[in-house]
Amino acid sequence: MPQNRLIRHHLVDRLFHWLLAISIFILLFTGLLPQFDVDFNWVELHWITGIVLTVLVAIHSVRSVFWKKLISIWFTRQDFSLAKGGKYSLEQKLMHNFITVLTLAVIVTGILMMVRLDTPFWERDPYRLEAETWGYIYVIHGLLALIFVSTIMLHIYFSLRPEKRQYLRAMIKGWISREEYLDAHDPELWQGEFTAENDKNTSDQI
């Protein structure tokens, strides 16, 4: 990799992002298509994918707390006054934080709903909560799914805009150029990791 390319996302982070994206799309399709009279056996695929999503989020949360700088993705009041951000811009932080809260809420309501399903792990127990409570849970879960659709459409739209295309490339190939780094990021807030030419194990911190 040429030395004028900066590592933005390592392979493990890119794999997590795309596995999470695939899981969310499967959940949305299996959850919403039956509402449009698309008939298929969706329940089992839906809850299994929900378990996969939960495991992915749990692993990512542990990595973020113990092996990554969690503060780099959470916005503060200081972000509103910066001309250039660190690794993530204010908009990226706000999007990440919103999707994080949304995902956790979907997981919690989804796990509660699984109590009413027969799985290899337990037998269904539809009487654990009152009927009115189940109604609230189903409405909240469905509303969160609809919000997810809008949020993902917004995320895809901005990732495809020409001025943001480098971030899509970074999520696929892992890197942005030195020029893109200096143009959009403050080196004081994000010390970029450059890879030396012909030596992927060598990095130069600036």
N, C-alpha and C. Protein backbone atom coordinates (compact mmCIF):
# COMPACT_ATOMS: atom_id res chain seq x y z
N MET A 1 0.85 -1.19 0.00
CA MET A 1 0.00 0.00 0.00
C MET A 1 0.89 1.24 0.00
N PRO A 2 0.69 2.18 -0.93
CA PRO A 2 1.52 3.37 -0.97
C PRO A 2 1.44 4.15 0.34
N GLN A 3 2.54 4.92 0.60
CA GLN A 3 2.62 5.61 1.88
C GLN A 3 1.68 6.80 1.97
N ASN A 4 1.12 7.26 0.85
CA ASN A 4 0.20 8.39 0.90
C ASN A 4 -1.23 7.95 1.17
N ARG A 5 -1.41 6.68 1.59
CA ARG A 5 -2.73 6.19 1.97
C ARG A 5 -2.78 5.96 3.47
N LEU A 6 -3.87 6.41 4.06
CA LEU A 6 -4.03 6.33 5.51
C LEU A 6 -5.07 5.28 5.87
N ILE A 7 -4.77 4.46 6.85
CA ILE A 7 -5.70 3.42 7.29
C ILE A 7 -6.81 4.06 8.11
N ARG A 8 -8.04 3.95 7.62
CA ARG A 8 -9.18 4.48 8.36
C ARG A 8 -9.95 3.38 9.07
N HIS A 9 -10.12 2.25 8.37
CA HIS A 9 -10.83 1.12 8.98
C HIS A 9 -10.03 -0.16 8.75
N HIS A 10 -9.68 -0.85 9.82
CA HIS A 10 -9.00 -2.13 9.70
C HIS A 10 -9.99 -3.19 9.24
N LEU A 11 -9.46 -4.33 8.81
CA LEU A 11 -10.29 -5.37 8.23
C LEU A 11 -11.40 -5.83 9.18
N VAL A 12 -11.08 -6.01 10.45
CA VAL A 12 -12.07 -6.49 11.41
C VAL A 12 -13.24 -5.51 11.54
N ASP A 13 -12.94 -4.21 11.47
CA ASP A 13 -13.99 -3.20 11.57
C ASP A 13 -14.85 -3.17 10.31
N ARG A 14 -14.23 -3.39 9.16
CA ARG A 14 -14.99 -3.43 7.91
C ARG A 14 -15.88 -4.66 7.86
N LEU A 15 -15.35 -5.79 8.32
CA LEU A 15 -16.17 -7.00 8.36
C LEU A 15 -17.37 -6.82 9.29
N PHE A 16 -17.14 -6.21 10.45
CA PHE A 16 -18.25 -5.97 11.36
C PHE A 16 -19.31 -5.09 10.70
N HIS A 17 -18.88 -4.02 10.05
CA HIS A 17 -19.82 -3.09 9.43
C HIS A 17 -20.70 -3.81 8.41
N TRP A 18 -20.10 -4.60 7.53
CA TRP A 18 -20.88 -5.25 6.47
C TRP A 18 -21.72 -6.40 6.99
N LEU A 19 -21.23 -7.14 7.99
CA LEU A 19 -22.05 -8.18 8.61
C LEU A 19 -23.25 -7.56 9.33
N LEU A 20 -23.02 -6.43 9.99
CA LEU A 20 -24.11 -5.72 10.64
C LEU A 20 -25.12 -5.22 9.61
N ALA A 21 -24.63 -4.68 8.51
CA ALA A 21 -25.51 -4.19 7.46
C ALA A 21 -26.35 -5.31 6.88
N ILE A 22 -25.72 -6.46 6.59
CA ILE A 22 -26.46 -7.61 6.05
C ILE A 22 -27.52 -8.09 7.04
N SER A 23 -27.17 -8.14 8.31
CA SER A 23 -28.13 -8.57 9.33
C SER A 23 -29.33 -7.63 9.39
N ILE A 24 -29.06 -6.33 9.36
CA ILE A 24 -30.14 -5.35 9.44
C ILE A 24 -31.05 -5.44 8.22
N PHE A 25 -30.47 -5.61 7.03
CA PHE A 25 -31.29 -5.72 5.82
C PHE A 25 -32.16 -6.98 5.86
N ILE A 26 -31.59 -8.09 6.32
CA ILE A 26 -32.39 -9.32 6.43
C ILE A 26 -33.54 -9.12 7.41
N LEU A 27 -33.25 -8.47 8.53
CA LEU A 27 -34.29 -8.22 9.53
C LEU A 27 -35.40 -7.32 8.98
N LEU A 28 -34.99 -6.29 8.24
CA LEU A 28 -35.99 -5.38 7.68
C LEU A 28 -36.84 -6.07 6.63
N PHE A 29 -36.20 -6.85 5.74
CA PHE A 29 -36.96 -7.53 4.70
C PHE A 29 -37.90 -8.58 5.29
N THR A 30 -37.39 -9.37 6.22
CA THR A 30 -38.24 -10.43 6.79
C THR A 30 -39.31 -9.85 7.70
N GLY A 31 -39.07 -8.68 8.27
CA GLY A 31 -40.06 -8.07 9.15
C GLY A 31 -41.11 -7.25 8.43
N LEU A 32 -40.73 -6.62 7.31
CA LEU A 32 -41.64 -5.69 6.65
C LEU A 32 -42.35 -6.28 5.44
N LEU A 33 -41.70 -7.18 4.70
CA LEU A 33 -42.33 -7.72 3.50
C LEU A 33 -43.66 -8.43 3.79
N PRO A 34 -43.76 -9.21 4.91
CA PRO A 34 -45.07 -9.83 5.20
C PRO A 34 -46.19 -8.82 5.38
N GLN A 35 -45.85 -7.58 5.76
CA GLN A 35 -46.87 -6.55 5.91
C GLN A 35 -47.43 -6.11 4.55
N PHE A 36 -46.70 -6.45 3.48
CA PHE A 36 -47.16 -6.12 2.12
C PHE A 36 -47.62 -7.38 1.39
N ASP A 37 -48.08 -8.37 2.19
CA ASP A 37 -48.67 -9.60 1.65
C ASP A 37 -47.66 -10.44 0.86
N VAL A 38 -46.38 -10.30 1.17
CA VAL A 38 -45.37 -11.19 0.59
C VAL A 38 -45.28 -12.40 1.51
N ASP A 39 -45.76 -13.53 1.02
CA ASP A 39 -45.92 -14.71 1.87
C ASP A 39 -44.69 -15.62 1.78
N PHE A 40 -43.99 -15.80 2.89
CA PHE A 40 -42.89 -16.75 2.96
C PHE A 40 -42.64 -17.05 4.43
N ASN A 41 -41.88 -18.10 4.69
CA ASN A 41 -41.60 -18.53 6.06
C ASN A 41 -40.50 -17.63 6.64
N TRP A 42 -40.92 -16.53 7.25
CA TRP A 42 -39.96 -15.50 7.63
C TRP A 42 -39.60 -15.50 9.12
N VAL A 43 -40.43 -16.09 9.98
CA VAL A 43 -40.27 -15.93 11.42
C VAL A 43 -38.93 -16.49 11.91
N GLU A 44 -38.60 -17.72 11.49
CA GLU A 44 -37.37 -18.34 11.98
C GLU A 44 -36.13 -17.58 11.51
N LEU A 45 -36.11 -17.20 10.22
CA LEU A 45 -34.98 -16.43 9.70
C LEU A 45 -34.85 -15.10 10.43
N HIS A 46 -36.00 -14.51 10.78
CA HIS A 46 -35.99 -13.20 11.44
C HIS A 46 -35.36 -13.29 12.83
N TRP A 47 -35.80 -14.25 13.63
CA TRP A 47 -35.27 -14.28 15.00
C TRP A 47 -33.83 -14.79 15.04
N ILE A 48 -33.45 -15.68 14.13
CA ILE A 48 -32.06 -16.15 14.08
C ILE A 48 -31.14 -14.99 13.70
N THR A 49 -31.56 -14.21 12.72
CA THR A 49 -30.77 -13.04 12.33
C THR A 49 -30.71 -12.02 13.47
N GLY A 50 -31.79 -11.93 14.23
CA GLY A 50 -31.79 -11.04 15.39
C GLY A 50 -30.75 -11.46 16.43
N ILE A 51 -30.61 -12.78 16.62
CA ILE A 51 -29.59 -13.28 17.54
C ILE A 51 -28.20 -12.95 17.01
N VAL A 52 -27.99 -13.12 15.69
CA VAL A 52 -26.71 -12.78 15.08
C VAL A 52 -26.39 -11.31 15.29
N LEU A 53 -27.39 -10.45 15.07
CA LEU A 53 -27.20 -9.02 15.28
C LEU A 53 -26.82 -8.72 16.72
N THR A 54 -27.49 -9.36 17.65
CA THR A 54 -27.20 -9.14 19.08
C THR A 54 -25.77 -9.54 19.42
N VAL A 55 -25.32 -10.68 18.90
CA VAL A 55 -23.95 -11.14 19.15
C VAL A 55 -22.94 -10.17 18.54
N LEU A 56 -23.20 -9.72 17.31
CA LEU A 56 -22.30 -8.76 16.66
C LEU A 56 -22.17 -7.48 17.47
N VAL A 57 -23.30 -6.96 17.93
CA VAL A 57 -23.29 -5.72 18.71
C VAL A 57 -22.56 -5.93 20.03
N ALA A 58 -22.75 -7.08 20.66
CA ALA A 58 -22.07 -7.37 21.93
C ALA A 58 -20.56 -7.42 21.73
N ILE A 59 -20.11 -8.10 20.68
CA ILE A 59 -18.67 -8.18 20.40
C ILE A 59 -18.10 -6.80 20.10
N HIS A 60 -18.82 -6.05 19.28
CA HIS A 60 -18.35 -4.70 18.94
C HIS A 60 -18.29 -3.80 20.17
N SER A 61 -19.25 -3.94 21.06
CA SER A 61 -19.27 -3.12 22.28
C SER A 61 -18.07 -3.42 23.16
N VAL A 62 -17.73 -4.70 23.29
CA VAL A 62 -16.56 -5.08 24.10
C VAL A 62 -15.30 -4.54 23.46
N ARG A 63 -15.17 -4.67 22.13
CA ARG A 63 -13.98 -4.14 21.45
C ARG A 63 -13.88 -2.62 21.59
N SER A 64 -15.02 -1.94 21.50
CA SER A 64 -15.02 -0.49 21.59
C SER A 64 -14.60 0.00 22.97
N VAL A 65 -14.99 -0.73 24.00
CA VAL A 65 -14.68 -0.32 25.37
C VAL A 65 -13.24 -0.63 25.74
N PHE A 66 -12.74 -1.80 25.34
CA PHE A 66 -11.44 -2.27 25.83
C PHE A 66 -10.30 -2.12 24.82
N TRP A 67 -10.59 -2.10 23.52
CA TRP A 67 -9.51 -2.07 22.54
C TRP A 67 -9.54 -0.85 21.63
N LYS A 68 -10.60 -0.08 21.65
CA LYS A 68 -10.69 1.10 20.79
C LYS A 68 -10.98 2.33 21.64
N LYS A 69 -10.79 3.50 21.03
CA LYS A 69 -11.08 4.74 21.73
C LYS A 69 -12.56 5.08 21.55
N LEU A 70 -13.37 4.69 22.52
CA LEU A 70 -14.81 4.87 22.42
C LEU A 70 -15.18 6.34 22.28
N ILE A 71 -14.40 7.22 22.93
CA ILE A 71 -14.72 8.65 22.92
C ILE A 71 -14.62 9.24 21.51
N SER A 72 -13.87 8.57 20.61
CA SER A 72 -13.67 9.13 19.27
C SER A 72 -14.95 9.14 18.45
N ILE A 73 -15.94 8.33 18.82
CA ILE A 73 -17.18 8.25 18.05
C ILE A 73 -18.36 8.90 18.76
N TRP A 74 -18.18 9.34 20.01
CA TRP A 74 -19.27 9.99 20.74
C TRP A 74 -19.07 11.49 20.72
N PHE A 75 -20.13 12.22 20.35
CA PHE A 75 -19.99 13.67 20.18
C PHE A 75 -20.02 14.38 21.54
N THR A 76 -19.36 15.54 21.56
CA THR A 76 -19.35 16.42 22.72
C THR A 76 -19.69 17.82 22.25
N ARG A 77 -19.86 18.74 23.17
CA ARG A 77 -20.17 20.13 22.80
C ARG A 77 -19.05 20.74 21.97
N GLN A 78 -17.83 20.27 22.18
CA GLN A 78 -16.70 20.80 21.44
C GLN A 78 -16.83 20.54 19.94
N ASP A 79 -17.48 19.44 19.57
CA ASP A 79 -17.61 19.09 18.15
C ASP A 79 -18.38 20.15 17.37
N PHE A 80 -19.27 20.87 18.02
CA PHE A 80 -20.09 21.86 17.32
C PHE A 80 -19.30 23.10 16.93
N SER A 81 -18.13 23.29 17.51
CA SER A 81 -17.34 24.50 17.23
C SER A 81 -16.07 24.21 16.44
N LEU A 82 -15.86 22.96 16.06
CA LEU A 82 -14.63 22.60 15.34
C LEU A 82 -14.78 22.83 13.85
N ALA A 83 -13.74 23.40 13.23
CA ALA A 83 -13.72 23.56 11.78
C ALA A 83 -13.50 22.20 11.11
N LYS A 84 -12.60 21.42 11.68
CA LYS A 84 -12.33 20.06 11.22
C LYS A 84 -12.40 19.12 12.42
N GLY A 85 -12.96 17.95 12.20
CA GLY A 85 -13.07 16.99 13.29
C GLY A 85 -11.88 16.06 13.36
N GLY A 86 -11.98 15.09 14.25
CA GLY A 86 -10.96 14.07 14.35
C GLY A 86 -11.22 12.99 13.31
N LYS A 87 -11.19 11.74 13.74
CA LYS A 87 -11.43 10.65 12.80
C LYS A 87 -12.84 10.70 12.25
N TYR A 88 -13.79 11.11 13.10
CA TYR A 88 -15.19 11.17 12.68
C TYR A 88 -15.71 12.60 12.80
N SER A 89 -16.48 13.02 11.79
CA SER A 89 -17.09 14.34 11.82
C SER A 89 -18.28 14.36 12.77
N LEU A 90 -18.78 15.56 13.05
CA LEU A 90 -19.95 15.69 13.90
C LEU A 90 -21.13 14.92 13.32
N GLU A 91 -21.33 15.01 12.01
CA GLU A 91 -22.45 14.32 11.38
C GLU A 91 -22.31 12.81 11.51
N GLN A 92 -21.11 12.31 11.34
CA GLN A 92 -20.88 10.87 11.48
C GLN A 92 -21.11 10.40 12.91
N LYS A 93 -20.69 11.21 13.87
CA LYS A 93 -20.90 10.86 15.27
C LYS A 93 -22.38 10.84 15.61
N LEU A 94 -23.11 11.85 15.15
CA LEU A 94 -24.55 11.91 15.43
C LEU A 94 -25.27 10.71 14.80
N MET A 95 -24.90 10.37 13.57
CA MET A 95 -25.50 9.23 12.90
C MET A 95 -25.19 7.94 13.65
N HIS A 96 -23.93 7.77 14.05
CA HIS A 96 -23.53 6.56 14.77
C HIS A 96 -24.26 6.45 16.11
N ASN A 97 -24.34 7.56 16.84
CA ASN A 97 -25.00 7.54 18.14
C ASN A 97 -26.48 7.22 18.01
N PHE A 98 -27.12 7.80 16.98
CA PHE A 98 -28.54 7.55 16.77
C PHE A 98 -28.79 6.09 16.41
N ILE A 99 -27.97 5.55 15.49
CA ILE A 99 -28.13 4.15 15.09
C ILE A 99 -27.84 3.23 16.26
N THR A 100 -26.88 3.59 17.12
CA THR A 100 -26.57 2.77 18.29
C THR A 100 -27.78 2.66 19.21
N VAL A 101 -28.40 3.80 19.54
CA VAL A 101 -29.57 3.81 20.41
C VAL A 101 -30.72 3.04 19.75
N LEU A 102 -30.90 3.26 18.45
CA LEU A 102 -31.96 2.59 17.71
C LEU A 102 -31.76 1.07 17.71
N THR A 103 -30.52 0.64 17.47
CA THR A 103 -30.22 -0.79 17.43
C THR A 103 -30.44 -1.45 18.78
N LEU A 104 -29.99 -0.81 19.84
CA LEU A 104 -30.18 -1.37 21.18
C LEU A 104 -31.66 -1.49 21.53
N ALA A 105 -32.44 -0.48 21.14
CA ALA A 105 -33.88 -0.53 21.40
C ALA A 105 -34.55 -1.65 20.61
N VAL A 106 -34.13 -1.84 19.36
CA VAL A 106 -34.67 -2.94 18.53
C VAL A 106 -34.31 -4.28 19.14
N ILE A 107 -33.07 -4.42 19.62
CA ILE A 107 -32.64 -5.68 20.21
C ILE A 107 -33.44 -6.00 21.46
N VAL A 108 -33.63 -5.02 22.33
CA VAL A 108 -34.36 -5.24 23.57
C VAL A 108 -35.80 -5.66 23.29
N THR A 109 -36.48 -4.91 22.42
CA THR A 109 -37.88 -5.25 22.12
C THR A 109 -37.97 -6.57 21.36
N GLY A 110 -36.97 -6.85 20.51
CA GLY A 110 -36.97 -8.11 19.77
C GLY A 110 -36.79 -9.31 20.69
N ILE A 111 -35.89 -9.19 21.66
CA ILE A 111 -35.68 -10.29 22.62
C ILE A 111 -36.95 -10.53 23.44
N LEU A 112 -37.61 -9.46 23.84
CA LEU A 112 -38.87 -9.61 24.58
C LEU A 112 -39.91 -10.36 23.74
N MET A 113 -39.97 -10.03 22.45
CA MET A 113 -40.93 -10.68 21.58
C MET A 113 -40.62 -12.16 21.37
N MET A 114 -39.35 -12.52 21.49
CA MET A 114 -38.97 -13.92 21.30
C MET A 114 -39.53 -14.83 22.38
N VAL A 115 -39.96 -14.26 23.49
CA VAL A 115 -40.57 -15.06 24.54
C VAL A 115 -41.82 -15.77 24.02
N ARG A 116 -42.43 -15.20 23.00
CA ARG A 116 -43.66 -15.77 22.46
C ARG A 116 -43.40 -16.78 21.33
N LEU A 117 -42.10 -17.11 21.10
CA LEU A 117 -41.75 -18.05 20.05
C LEU A 117 -41.17 -19.32 20.64
N ASP A 118 -41.40 -20.43 19.95
CA ASP A 118 -40.71 -21.67 20.28
C ASP A 118 -39.34 -21.66 19.61
N THR A 119 -38.30 -21.85 20.40
CA THR A 119 -36.94 -21.88 19.87
C THR A 119 -36.22 -23.09 20.47
N PRO A 120 -35.04 -23.44 19.96
CA PRO A 120 -34.27 -24.54 20.57
C PRO A 120 -33.84 -24.24 22.00
N PHE A 121 -33.98 -22.98 22.42
CA PHE A 121 -33.49 -22.59 23.74
C PHE A 121 -34.60 -22.55 24.79
N TRP A 122 -35.84 -22.36 24.38
CA TRP A 122 -36.95 -22.32 25.33
C TRP A 122 -38.28 -22.54 24.60
N GLU A 123 -39.31 -22.85 25.38
CA GLU A 123 -40.66 -22.96 24.84
C GLU A 123 -41.37 -21.62 25.01
N ARG A 124 -42.28 -21.36 24.11
CA ARG A 124 -42.97 -20.07 24.11
C ARG A 124 -43.80 -19.89 25.39
N ASP A 125 -43.84 -18.63 25.82
CA ASP A 125 -44.61 -18.30 27.03
C ASP A 125 -45.34 -16.98 26.77
N PRO A 126 -46.46 -17.02 26.05
CA PRO A 126 -47.18 -15.79 25.69
C PRO A 126 -47.90 -15.14 26.86
N TYR A 127 -47.91 -15.80 28.01
CA TYR A 127 -48.67 -15.26 29.14
C TYR A 127 -47.78 -14.59 30.18
N ARG A 128 -46.50 -14.43 29.86
CA ARG A 128 -45.59 -13.84 30.82
C ARG A 128 -45.91 -12.36 31.04
N LEU A 129 -46.41 -11.71 29.99
CA LEU A 129 -46.81 -10.30 30.09
C LEU A 129 -48.28 -10.16 29.71
N GLU A 130 -48.89 -9.08 30.15
CA GLU A 130 -50.29 -8.83 29.82
C GLU A 130 -50.43 -8.48 28.35
N ALA A 131 -51.62 -8.71 27.82
CA ALA A 131 -51.89 -8.48 26.40
C ALA A 131 -51.60 -7.03 26.01
N GLU A 132 -51.96 -6.08 26.87
CA GLU A 132 -51.72 -4.67 26.57
C GLU A 132 -50.23 -4.37 26.47
N THR A 133 -49.46 -4.99 27.35
CA THR A 133 -48.00 -4.79 27.33
C THR A 133 -47.41 -5.34 26.05
N TRP A 134 -47.86 -6.54 25.64
CA TRP A 134 -47.39 -7.10 24.38
C TRP A 134 -47.71 -6.17 23.22
N GLY A 135 -48.88 -5.55 23.25
CA GLY A 135 -49.25 -4.61 22.20
C GLY A 135 -48.29 -3.45 22.10
N TYR A 136 -47.92 -2.89 23.23
CA TYR A 136 -46.96 -1.78 23.25
C TYR A 136 -45.61 -2.22 22.67
N ILE A 137 -45.17 -3.41 23.07
CA ILE A 137 -43.87 -3.90 22.60
C ILE A 137 -43.88 -4.06 21.08
N TYR A 138 -44.95 -4.65 20.54
CA TYR A 138 -45.03 -4.85 19.10
C TYR A 138 -45.09 -3.52 18.35
N VAL A 139 -45.82 -2.56 18.88
CA VAL A 139 -45.92 -1.25 18.23
C VAL A 139 -44.56 -0.55 18.25
N ILE A 140 -43.88 -0.58 19.38
CA ILE A 140 -42.57 0.07 19.49
C ILE A 140 -41.57 -0.58 18.55
N HIS A 141 -41.56 -1.91 18.51
CA HIS A 141 -40.63 -2.63 17.64
C HIS A 141 -40.89 -2.29 16.17
N GLY A 142 -42.16 -2.25 15.78
CA GLY A 142 -42.50 -1.90 14.40
C GLY A 142 -42.14 -0.48 14.06
N LEU A 143 -42.38 0.44 15.00
CA LEU A 143 -42.03 1.85 14.77
C LEU A 143 -40.52 2.01 14.62
N LEU A 144 -39.77 1.31 15.46
CA LEU A 144 -38.31 1.36 15.36
C LEU A 144 -37.83 0.85 14.00
N ALA A 145 -38.48 -0.18 13.48
CA ALA A 145 -38.12 -0.72 12.17
C ALA A 145 -38.34 0.32 11.08
N LEU A 146 -39.45 1.04 11.15
CA LEU A 146 -39.73 2.07 10.15
C LEU A 146 -38.70 3.21 10.24
N ILE A 147 -38.33 3.58 11.46
CA ILE A 147 -37.30 4.61 11.63
C ILE A 147 -35.97 4.13 11.07
N PHE A 148 -35.70 2.84 11.24
CA PHE A 148 -34.47 2.24 10.71
C PHE A 148 -34.42 2.38 9.19
N VAL A 149 -35.55 2.16 8.52
CA VAL A 149 -35.60 2.27 7.06
C VAL A 149 -35.20 3.68 6.63
N SER A 150 -35.78 4.69 7.25
CA SER A 150 -35.46 6.07 6.91
C SER A 150 -33.99 6.39 7.20
N THR A 151 -33.49 5.91 8.34
CA THR A 151 -32.11 6.19 8.73
C THR A 151 -31.13 5.55 7.76
N ILE A 152 -31.38 4.32 7.35
CA ILE A 152 -30.50 3.63 6.41
C ILE A 152 -30.52 4.31 5.05
N MET A 153 -31.69 4.74 4.59
CA MET A 153 -31.77 5.46 3.33
C MET A 153 -30.94 6.74 3.39
N LEU A 154 -31.00 7.45 4.51
CA LEU A 154 -30.21 8.66 4.68
C LEU A 154 -28.72 8.32 4.70
N HIS A 155 -28.35 7.25 5.38
CA HIS A 155 -26.96 6.82 5.46
C HIS A 155 -26.41 6.47 4.08
N ILE A 156 -27.18 5.73 3.31
CA ILE A 156 -26.75 5.35 1.96
C ILE A 156 -26.63 6.57 1.07
N TYR A 157 -27.59 7.48 1.18
CA TYR A 157 -27.57 8.69 0.35
C TYR A 157 -26.29 9.48 0.56
N PHE A 158 -25.93 9.73 1.82
CA PHE A 158 -24.74 10.53 2.08
C PHE A 158 -23.46 9.77 1.73
N SER A 159 -23.46 8.44 1.86
CA SER A 159 -22.26 7.68 1.53
C SER A 159 -22.00 7.67 0.02
N LEU A 160 -23.02 7.93 -0.79
CA LEU A 160 -22.87 7.94 -2.24
C LEU A 160 -22.62 9.32 -2.81
N ARG A 161 -22.72 10.36 -2.00
CA ARG A 161 -22.45 11.71 -2.49
C ARG A 161 -20.97 11.83 -2.85
N PRO A 162 -20.63 12.55 -3.94
CA PRO A 162 -19.24 12.63 -4.41
C PRO A 162 -18.26 13.10 -3.33
N GLU A 163 -18.66 14.09 -2.52
CA GLU A 163 -17.74 14.62 -1.52
C GLU A 163 -17.55 13.68 -0.33
N LYS A 164 -18.37 12.63 -0.24
CA LYS A 164 -18.26 11.67 0.86
C LYS A 164 -17.81 10.29 0.35
N ARG A 165 -17.51 10.20 -0.94
CA ARG A 165 -17.21 8.90 -1.54
C ARG A 165 -15.99 8.23 -0.92
N GLN A 166 -15.06 9.04 -0.40
CA GLN A 166 -13.84 8.44 0.17
C GLN A 166 -14.16 7.60 1.40
N TYR A 167 -15.25 7.95 2.11
CA TYR A 167 -15.59 7.17 3.30
C TYR A 167 -16.21 5.82 2.93
N LEU A 168 -16.93 5.79 1.80
CA LEU A 168 -17.45 4.51 1.31
C LEU A 168 -16.28 3.63 0.87
N ARG A 169 -15.33 4.23 0.16
CA ARG A 169 -14.14 3.48 -0.25
C ARG A 169 -13.38 2.95 0.96
N ALA A 170 -13.28 3.79 2.01
CA ALA A 170 -12.58 3.37 3.22
C ALA A 170 -13.28 2.19 3.89
N MET A 171 -14.60 2.14 3.79
CA MET A 171 -15.33 1.03 4.40
C MET A 171 -15.23 -0.24 3.56
N ILE A 172 -14.79 -0.10 2.32
CA ILE A 172 -14.59 -1.26 1.45
C ILE A 172 -13.12 -1.67 1.42
N LYS A 173 -12.24 -0.70 1.20
CA LYS A 173 -10.82 -1.00 1.04
C LYS A 173 -9.99 -0.65 2.28
N GLY A 174 -10.54 0.20 3.15
CA GLY A 174 -9.86 0.48 4.41
C GLY A 174 -9.09 1.78 4.48
N TRP A 175 -8.91 2.49 3.35
CA TRP A 175 -8.02 3.65 3.39
C TRP A 175 -8.64 4.90 2.76
N ILE A 176 -8.07 6.05 3.16
CA ILE A 176 -8.29 7.32 2.48
C ILE A 176 -6.91 7.87 2.14
N SER A 177 -6.87 8.82 1.22
CA SER A 177 -5.58 9.37 0.81
C SER A 177 -5.09 10.40 1.82
N ARG A 178 -3.80 10.73 1.76
CA ARG A 178 -3.25 11.77 2.63
C ARG A 178 -3.94 13.11 2.38
N GLU A 179 -4.23 13.39 1.10
CA GLU A 179 -4.89 14.65 0.77
C GLU A 179 -6.29 14.71 1.37
N GLU A 180 -7.03 13.62 1.29
CA GLU A 180 -8.37 13.57 1.87
C GLU A 180 -8.31 13.71 3.39
N TYR A 181 -7.31 13.10 3.97
CA TYR A 181 -7.11 13.18 5.42
C TYR A 181 -6.86 14.62 5.86
N LEU A 182 -5.93 15.30 5.20
CA LEU A 182 -5.58 16.67 5.60
C LEU A 182 -6.70 17.65 5.27
N ASP A 183 -7.49 17.35 4.24
CA ASP A 183 -8.56 18.25 3.84
C ASP A 183 -9.74 18.24 4.81
N ALA A 184 -10.03 17.06 5.39
CA ALA A 184 -11.25 16.93 6.20
C ALA A 184 -11.01 16.67 7.68
N HIS A 185 -9.75 16.42 8.08
CA HIS A 185 -9.48 16.02 9.46
C HIS A 185 -8.37 16.86 10.08
N ASP A 186 -8.48 17.06 11.36
CA ASP A 186 -7.47 17.79 12.12
C ASP A 186 -6.45 16.79 12.66
N PRO A 187 -5.19 16.85 12.19
CA PRO A 187 -4.17 15.89 12.67
C PRO A 187 -3.94 15.95 14.17
N GLU A 188 -4.30 17.06 14.81
CA GLU A 188 -4.16 17.15 16.26
C GLU A 188 -5.21 16.28 16.97
N LEU A 189 -6.35 16.08 16.30
CA LEU A 189 -7.43 15.30 16.90
C LEU A 189 -7.41 13.84 16.46
N TRP A 190 -6.80 13.57 15.32
CA TRP A 190 -6.68 12.20 14.85
C TRP A 190 -5.31 12.01 14.24
N GLN A 191 -4.46 11.28 14.93
CA GLN A 191 -3.13 10.99 14.42
C GLN A 191 -3.23 9.82 13.46
N GLY A 192 -3.20 10.15 12.18
CA GLY A 192 -3.43 9.14 11.16
C GLY A 192 -2.33 8.11 11.09
N GLU A 193 -2.74 6.87 10.80
CA GLU A 193 -1.80 5.76 10.68
C GLU A 193 -1.55 5.48 9.20
N PHE A 194 -0.35 5.81 8.73
CA PHE A 194 0.01 5.57 7.34
C PHE A 194 0.79 4.28 7.22
N THR A 195 0.59 3.60 6.11
CA THR A 195 1.28 2.34 5.88
C THR A 195 2.42 2.55 4.91
N ALA A 196 3.62 2.13 5.31
CA ALA A 196 4.79 2.31 4.46
C ALA A 196 4.68 1.44 3.22
N GLU A 197 5.20 1.93 2.11
CA GLU A 197 5.14 1.21 0.85
C GLU A 197 5.89 -0.11 0.94
N ASN A 198 5.23 -1.18 0.42
CA ASN A 198 5.80 -2.53 0.38
C ASN A 198 6.00 -3.15 1.77
N ASP A 199 5.41 -2.54 2.83
CA ASP A 199 5.55 -3.13 4.15
C ASP A 199 4.29 -2.85 4.93
N LYS A 200 3.34 -3.74 4.92
CA LYS A 200 2.05 -3.51 5.53
C LYS A 200 2.11 -3.51 7.05
N ASN A 201 3.23 -3.93 7.62
CA ASN A 201 3.35 -3.98 9.07
C ASN A 201 4.04 -2.75 9.64
N THR A 202 4.41 -1.82 8.78
CA THR A 202 5.11 -0.62 9.23
C THR A 202 4.17 0.56 9.14
N SER A 203 4.11 1.37 10.17
CA SER A 203 3.24 2.54 10.15
C SER A 203 3.99 3.75 10.64
N ASP A 204 3.57 4.93 10.17
CA ASP A 204 4.18 6.18 10.55
C ASP A 204 3.13 7.05 11.17
N GLN A 205 3.25 7.35 12.44
CA GLN A 205 2.28 8.19 13.13
C GLN A 205 2.65 9.65 12.95
N ILE A 206 1.69 10.47 12.49
CA ILE A 206 1.98 11.90 12.31
C ILE A 206 1.24 12.69 13.36
